[in-house]
Amino acid sequence: MKHNFKNLKIWQRSMDLTDLVFDYIKDLPDSERYNLINQLNRCSCSIPSNIAEGSGKRTNIHFAEFLSTALTSTFELETQLLICERRKYGNANKLNECLSLASEMEKMIFSFRDYIINDKTTS
């Protein structure tokens, strides 16, 4: 079953998270440009990208696989943000916003993936 990804709340919130991360990394040290900054960019973009890509798959099982990838990217993002927290990088308020939304996204994606997998009305 195809879903319009732009109408999915998990995609919309993941785009919000990407915006927050991009705003947060502006304050990170230049020495992290090719390390944490690059990694934060990549995993934050991966979340909405995988939700969007999976939404066009033919079956819910295939969609669920892409949701799993989005979920693991969210865990990766949270880990990178926690590294920043340990290193005391960037603005603490922005960092906490990112961490909070990442945690929210993990729960949302996990729940939606379970819903998609257990939806017996479609194949």
N, C-alpha and C. Protein backbone atom coordinates (compact mmCIF):
# COMPACT_ATOMS: atom_id res chain seq x y z
N MET A 1 0.84 -1.18 0.00
CA MET A 1 0.00 0.00 0.00
C MET A 1 0.88 1.24 0.00
N LYS A 2 0.61 2.15 -0.88
CA LYS A 2 1.41 3.37 -0.96
C LYS A 2 0.83 4.44 -0.04
N HIS A 3 1.72 5.18 0.58
CA HIS A 3 1.35 6.27 1.48
C HIS A 3 1.94 7.55 0.91
N ASN A 4 1.23 8.65 1.03
CA ASN A 4 1.79 9.94 0.66
C ASN A 4 2.66 10.40 1.82
N PHE A 5 3.96 10.27 1.65
CA PHE A 5 4.88 10.54 2.76
C PHE A 5 4.74 11.94 3.32
N LYS A 6 4.38 12.91 2.49
CA LYS A 6 4.26 14.29 2.97
C LYS A 6 3.12 14.45 3.97
N ASN A 7 2.17 13.52 3.94
CA ASN A 7 1.04 13.56 4.89
C ASN A 7 1.31 12.79 6.17
N LEU A 8 2.41 12.07 6.22
CA LEU A 8 2.72 11.26 7.40
C LEU A 8 3.35 12.13 8.50
N LYS A 9 2.77 12.07 9.68
CA LYS A 9 3.29 12.87 10.80
C LYS A 9 4.75 12.50 11.11
N ILE A 10 5.10 11.22 10.98
CA ILE A 10 6.49 10.84 11.27
C ILE A 10 7.46 11.48 10.28
N TRP A 11 7.04 11.62 9.02
CA TRP A 11 7.91 12.29 8.04
C TRP A 11 8.02 13.78 8.38
N GLN A 12 6.90 14.41 8.69
CA GLN A 12 6.89 15.84 9.01
C GLN A 12 7.77 16.13 10.23
N ARG A 13 7.63 15.31 11.27
CA ARG A 13 8.44 15.51 12.49
C ARG A 13 9.92 15.21 12.22
N SER A 14 10.19 14.24 11.36
CA SER A 14 11.59 13.94 11.04
C SER A 14 12.22 15.09 10.27
N MET A 15 11.44 15.78 9.45
CA MET A 15 11.95 16.98 8.77
C MET A 15 12.23 18.08 9.78
N ASP A 16 11.36 18.20 10.80
CA ASP A 16 11.61 19.17 11.88
C ASP A 16 12.92 18.84 12.60
N LEU A 17 13.15 17.55 12.83
CA LEU A 17 14.38 17.12 13.49
C LEU A 17 15.60 17.47 12.64
N THR A 18 15.50 17.24 11.34
CA THR A 18 16.61 17.58 10.45
C THR A 18 16.90 19.08 10.51
N ASP A 19 15.86 19.89 10.50
CA ASP A 19 16.04 21.34 10.62
C ASP A 19 16.74 21.71 11.93
N LEU A 20 16.31 21.08 13.03
CA LEU A 20 16.93 21.36 14.33
C LEU A 20 18.40 20.98 14.33
N VAL A 21 18.71 19.83 13.77
CA VAL A 21 20.10 19.36 13.74
C VAL A 21 20.94 20.31 12.90
N PHE A 22 20.44 20.71 11.75
CA PHE A 22 21.20 21.63 10.90
C PHE A 22 21.45 22.95 11.61
N ASP A 23 20.48 23.40 12.39
CA ASP A 23 20.65 24.63 13.17
C ASP A 23 21.67 24.42 14.29
N TYR A 24 21.61 23.27 14.96
CA TYR A 24 22.53 22.97 16.05
C TYR A 24 23.98 22.90 15.58
N ILE A 25 24.24 22.27 14.45
CA ILE A 25 25.63 22.04 14.04
C ILE A 25 26.35 23.31 13.62
N LYS A 26 25.61 24.39 13.41
CA LYS A 26 26.26 25.66 13.07
C LYS A 26 27.22 26.11 14.17
N ASP A 27 26.98 25.67 15.40
CA ASP A 27 27.80 26.08 16.54
C ASP A 27 28.92 25.10 16.89
N LEU A 28 29.04 24.04 16.12
CA LEU A 28 30.08 23.05 16.45
C LEU A 28 31.44 23.52 15.94
N PRO A 29 32.50 23.05 16.56
CA PRO A 29 33.85 23.47 16.16
C PRO A 29 34.18 23.06 14.72
N ASP A 30 34.89 23.90 14.01
CA ASP A 30 35.30 23.61 12.63
C ASP A 30 36.09 22.30 12.54
N SER A 31 36.78 21.96 13.62
CA SER A 31 37.58 20.72 13.61
C SER A 31 36.71 19.48 13.46
N GLU A 32 35.39 19.61 13.69
CA GLU A 32 34.47 18.47 13.56
C GLU A 32 33.76 18.44 12.21
N ARG A 33 34.16 19.34 11.29
CA ARG A 33 33.47 19.44 9.99
C ARG A 33 33.39 18.09 9.27
N TYR A 34 34.46 17.32 9.27
CA TYR A 34 34.49 16.06 8.53
C TYR A 34 34.22 14.85 9.41
N ASN A 35 33.91 15.10 10.66
CA ASN A 35 33.62 14.01 11.58
C ASN A 35 32.17 14.11 12.05
N LEU A 36 31.95 14.70 13.20
CA LEU A 36 30.61 14.76 13.77
C LEU A 36 29.64 15.57 12.91
N ILE A 37 30.06 16.70 12.37
CA ILE A 37 29.15 17.52 11.57
C ILE A 37 28.66 16.74 10.35
N ASN A 38 29.58 16.12 9.65
CA ASN A 38 29.21 15.32 8.49
C ASN A 38 28.28 14.17 8.88
N GLN A 39 28.60 13.49 9.96
CA GLN A 39 27.80 12.36 10.41
C GLN A 39 26.41 12.80 10.87
N LEU A 40 26.33 13.92 11.57
CA LEU A 40 25.04 14.44 12.02
C LEU A 40 24.17 14.83 10.82
N ASN A 41 24.78 15.44 9.82
CA ASN A 41 24.04 15.78 8.59
C ASN A 41 23.48 14.52 7.93
N ARG A 42 24.34 13.55 7.77
CA ARG A 42 23.95 12.34 7.03
C ARG A 42 22.85 11.55 7.74
N CYS A 43 23.00 11.32 9.04
CA CYS A 43 21.98 10.50 9.71
C CYS A 43 20.68 11.28 9.91
N SER A 44 20.74 12.60 10.08
CA SER A 44 19.48 13.34 10.22
C SER A 44 18.71 13.36 8.90
N CYS A 45 19.42 13.45 7.77
CA CYS A 45 18.76 13.41 6.46
C CYS A 45 18.26 12.02 6.12
N SER A 46 18.90 11.01 6.64
CA SER A 46 18.52 9.63 6.36
C SER A 46 17.14 9.29 6.92
N ILE A 47 16.76 9.91 8.01
CA ILE A 47 15.49 9.56 8.66
C ILE A 47 14.30 9.89 7.75
N PRO A 48 14.09 11.15 7.36
CA PRO A 48 12.96 11.43 6.48
C PRO A 48 13.12 10.79 5.10
N SER A 49 14.35 10.65 4.64
CA SER A 49 14.58 10.04 3.32
C SER A 49 14.10 8.60 3.28
N ASN A 50 14.39 7.84 4.33
CA ASN A 50 13.96 6.44 4.36
C ASN A 50 12.46 6.31 4.56
N ILE A 51 11.87 7.20 5.32
CA ILE A 51 10.42 7.19 5.47
C ILE A 51 9.77 7.46 4.11
N ALA A 52 10.28 8.46 3.40
CA ALA A 52 9.74 8.80 2.08
C ALA A 52 9.93 7.65 1.10
N GLU A 53 11.12 7.09 1.06
CA GLU A 53 11.40 6.01 0.11
C GLU A 53 10.52 4.79 0.40
N GLY A 54 10.40 4.44 1.66
CA GLY A 54 9.59 3.28 2.03
C GLY A 54 8.11 3.46 1.75
N SER A 55 7.65 4.70 1.80
CA SER A 55 6.22 4.96 1.60
C SER A 55 5.75 4.58 0.20
N GLY A 56 6.67 4.51 -0.73
CA GLY A 56 6.32 4.16 -2.10
C GLY A 56 6.43 2.68 -2.40
N LYS A 57 6.80 1.89 -1.43
CA LYS A 57 6.95 0.45 -1.67
C LYS A 57 5.59 -0.22 -1.79
N ARG A 58 5.60 -1.35 -2.46
CA ARG A 58 4.37 -2.04 -2.82
C ARG A 58 3.64 -2.64 -1.64
N THR A 59 4.37 -3.11 -0.64
CA THR A 59 3.73 -3.76 0.50
C THR A 59 4.14 -3.08 1.81
N ASN A 60 3.32 -3.31 2.82
CA ASN A 60 3.63 -2.76 4.14
C ASN A 60 4.89 -3.39 4.73
N ILE A 61 5.14 -4.64 4.40
CA ILE A 61 6.35 -5.30 4.90
C ILE A 61 7.59 -4.58 4.36
N HIS A 62 7.56 -4.23 3.08
CA HIS A 62 8.69 -3.49 2.51
C HIS A 62 8.81 -2.10 3.14
N PHE A 63 7.66 -1.45 3.34
CA PHE A 63 7.67 -0.14 4.00
C PHE A 63 8.27 -0.26 5.39
N ALA A 64 7.90 -1.31 6.12
CA ALA A 64 8.40 -1.51 7.48
C ALA A 64 9.92 -1.65 7.51
N GLU A 65 10.49 -2.25 6.47
CA GLU A 65 11.95 -2.38 6.40
C GLU A 65 12.60 -0.99 6.32
N PHE A 66 12.02 -0.09 5.54
CA PHE A 66 12.56 1.26 5.46
C PHE A 66 12.33 2.04 6.75
N LEU A 67 11.22 1.77 7.42
CA LEU A 67 10.99 2.39 8.73
C LEU A 67 12.04 1.90 9.73
N SER A 68 12.43 0.63 9.62
CA SER A 68 13.49 0.11 10.50
C SER A 68 14.81 0.83 10.24
N THR A 69 15.10 1.10 8.98
CA THR A 69 16.31 1.84 8.65
C THR A 69 16.24 3.26 9.19
N ALA A 70 15.07 3.90 9.07
CA ALA A 70 14.89 5.24 9.63
C ALA A 70 15.08 5.21 11.14
N LEU A 71 14.58 4.16 11.78
CA LEU A 71 14.72 4.03 13.23
C LEU A 71 16.18 3.89 13.63
N THR A 72 16.93 3.06 12.90
CA THR A 72 18.34 2.89 13.25
C THR A 72 19.12 4.18 12.98
N SER A 73 18.72 4.94 11.97
CA SER A 73 19.37 6.24 11.74
C SER A 73 19.08 7.20 12.89
N THR A 74 17.89 7.08 13.47
CA THR A 74 17.55 7.92 14.62
C THR A 74 18.40 7.55 15.83
N PHE A 75 18.62 6.25 16.03
CA PHE A 75 19.50 5.82 17.12
C PHE A 75 20.93 6.31 16.88
N GLU A 76 21.37 6.24 15.64
CA GLU A 76 22.70 6.73 15.29
C GLU A 76 22.79 8.23 15.56
N LEU A 77 21.77 8.98 15.16
CA LEU A 77 21.76 10.42 15.40
C LEU A 77 21.82 10.73 16.89
N GLU A 78 21.02 10.00 17.66
CA GLU A 78 21.03 10.23 19.11
C GLU A 78 22.42 9.98 19.68
N THR A 79 23.09 8.95 19.22
CA THR A 79 24.43 8.64 19.70
C THR A 79 25.40 9.77 19.37
N GLN A 80 25.33 10.28 18.13
CA GLN A 80 26.20 11.39 17.74
C GLN A 80 25.93 12.62 18.60
N LEU A 81 24.66 12.88 18.88
CA LEU A 81 24.30 14.02 19.73
C LEU A 81 24.81 13.82 21.16
N LEU A 82 24.75 12.60 21.65
CA LEU A 82 25.27 12.32 23.00
C LEU A 82 26.78 12.49 23.06
N ILE A 83 27.45 12.18 21.96
CA ILE A 83 28.90 12.43 21.89
C ILE A 83 29.14 13.94 21.99
N CYS A 84 28.35 14.72 21.28
CA CYS A 84 28.46 16.18 21.36
C CYS A 84 28.22 16.67 22.79
N GLU A 85 27.24 16.06 23.45
CA GLU A 85 26.94 16.44 24.83
C GLU A 85 28.13 16.14 25.74
N ARG A 86 28.72 14.98 25.56
CA ARG A 86 29.89 14.61 26.38
C ARG A 86 31.07 15.53 26.13
N ARG A 87 31.22 15.97 24.87
CA ARG A 87 32.33 16.86 24.51
C ARG A 87 32.01 18.32 24.83
N LYS A 88 30.76 18.57 25.26
CA LYS A 88 30.29 19.93 25.56
C LYS A 88 30.36 20.84 24.33
N TYR A 89 29.96 20.28 23.19
CA TYR A 89 29.95 21.02 21.93
C TYR A 89 28.61 21.73 21.73
N GLY A 90 28.68 22.90 21.17
CA GLY A 90 27.48 23.61 20.72
C GLY A 90 26.61 24.15 21.83
N ASN A 91 25.47 24.67 21.42
CA ASN A 91 24.50 25.27 22.31
C ASN A 91 23.72 24.17 23.03
N ALA A 92 23.76 24.19 24.36
CA ALA A 92 23.14 23.13 25.17
C ALA A 92 21.62 23.08 24.97
N ASN A 93 20.98 24.23 24.83
CA ASN A 93 19.53 24.25 24.63
C ASN A 93 19.14 23.63 23.29
N LYS A 94 19.88 23.98 22.25
CA LYS A 94 19.61 23.39 20.93
C LYS A 94 19.87 21.89 20.95
N LEU A 95 20.92 21.50 21.63
CA LEU A 95 21.25 20.08 21.75
C LEU A 95 20.12 19.32 22.45
N ASN A 96 19.63 19.88 23.54
CA ASN A 96 18.54 19.23 24.27
C ASN A 96 17.27 19.13 23.43
N GLU A 97 17.00 20.15 22.63
CA GLU A 97 15.86 20.10 21.70
C GLU A 97 16.02 18.95 20.71
N CYS A 98 17.22 18.82 20.17
CA CYS A 98 17.50 17.74 19.22
C CYS A 98 17.33 16.38 19.88
N LEU A 99 17.89 16.23 21.07
CA LEU A 99 17.80 14.96 21.77
C LEU A 99 16.35 14.61 22.10
N SER A 100 15.59 15.60 22.51
CA SER A 100 14.18 15.37 22.85
C SER A 100 13.38 14.93 21.63
N LEU A 101 13.58 15.61 20.51
CA LEU A 101 12.84 15.25 19.31
C LEU A 101 13.33 13.91 18.75
N ALA A 102 14.61 13.62 18.88
CA ALA A 102 15.12 12.31 18.43
C ALA A 102 14.44 11.19 19.23
N SER A 103 14.32 11.38 20.53
CA SER A 103 13.66 10.39 21.37
C SER A 103 12.19 10.24 20.98
N GLU A 104 11.52 11.35 20.72
CA GLU A 104 10.13 11.32 20.26
C GLU A 104 10.03 10.55 18.94
N MET A 105 10.96 10.82 18.04
CA MET A 105 10.95 10.16 16.73
C MET A 105 11.14 8.65 16.86
N GLU A 106 12.01 8.23 17.76
CA GLU A 106 12.22 6.79 17.96
C GLU A 106 10.91 6.11 18.33
N LYS A 107 10.17 6.72 19.26
CA LYS A 107 8.89 6.14 19.69
C LYS A 107 7.87 6.16 18.55
N MET A 108 7.81 7.26 17.81
CA MET A 108 6.84 7.39 16.72
C MET A 108 7.11 6.38 15.61
N ILE A 109 8.37 6.26 15.21
CA ILE A 109 8.71 5.33 14.13
C ILE A 109 8.47 3.90 14.57
N PHE A 110 8.87 3.57 15.79
CA PHE A 110 8.67 2.21 16.31
C PHE A 110 7.19 1.86 16.31
N SER A 111 6.36 2.77 16.81
CA SER A 111 4.91 2.52 16.86
C SER A 111 4.30 2.40 15.47
N PHE A 112 4.69 3.29 14.58
CA PHE A 112 4.13 3.26 13.23
C PHE A 112 4.58 2.00 12.49
N ARG A 113 5.82 1.61 12.70
CA ARG A 113 6.31 0.37 12.07
C ARG A 113 5.49 -0.82 12.55
N ASP A 114 5.24 -0.90 13.85
CA ASP A 114 4.42 -1.99 14.38
C ASP A 114 3.01 -1.95 13.81
N TYR A 115 2.45 -0.77 13.68
CA TYR A 115 1.11 -0.62 13.10
C TYR A 115 1.10 -1.12 11.66
N ILE A 116 2.10 -0.70 10.89
CA ILE A 116 2.19 -1.11 9.49
C ILE A 116 2.33 -2.62 9.36
N ILE A 117 3.16 -3.21 10.19
CA ILE A 117 3.39 -4.67 10.14
C ILE A 117 2.11 -5.44 10.51
N ASN A 118 1.37 -4.93 11.47
CA ASN A 118 0.19 -5.65 11.97
C ASN A 118 -1.11 -5.27 11.26
N ASP A 119 -1.06 -4.36 10.31
CA ASP A 119 -2.25 -3.94 9.58
C ASP A 119 -2.70 -5.07 8.65
N LYS A 120 -3.80 -5.71 8.99
CA LYS A 120 -4.31 -6.86 8.23
C LYS A 120 -5.24 -6.44 7.09
N THR A 121 -5.52 -5.14 6.98
CA THR A 121 -6.42 -4.69 5.91
C THR A 121 -5.72 -4.57 4.57
N THR A 122 -4.38 -4.52 4.59
CA THR A 122 -3.60 -4.44 3.35
C THR A 122 -2.52 -5.49 3.39
N SER A 123 -1.92 -5.73 2.24
CA SER A 123 -0.84 -6.74 2.21
C SER A 123 0.51 -6.09 2.18
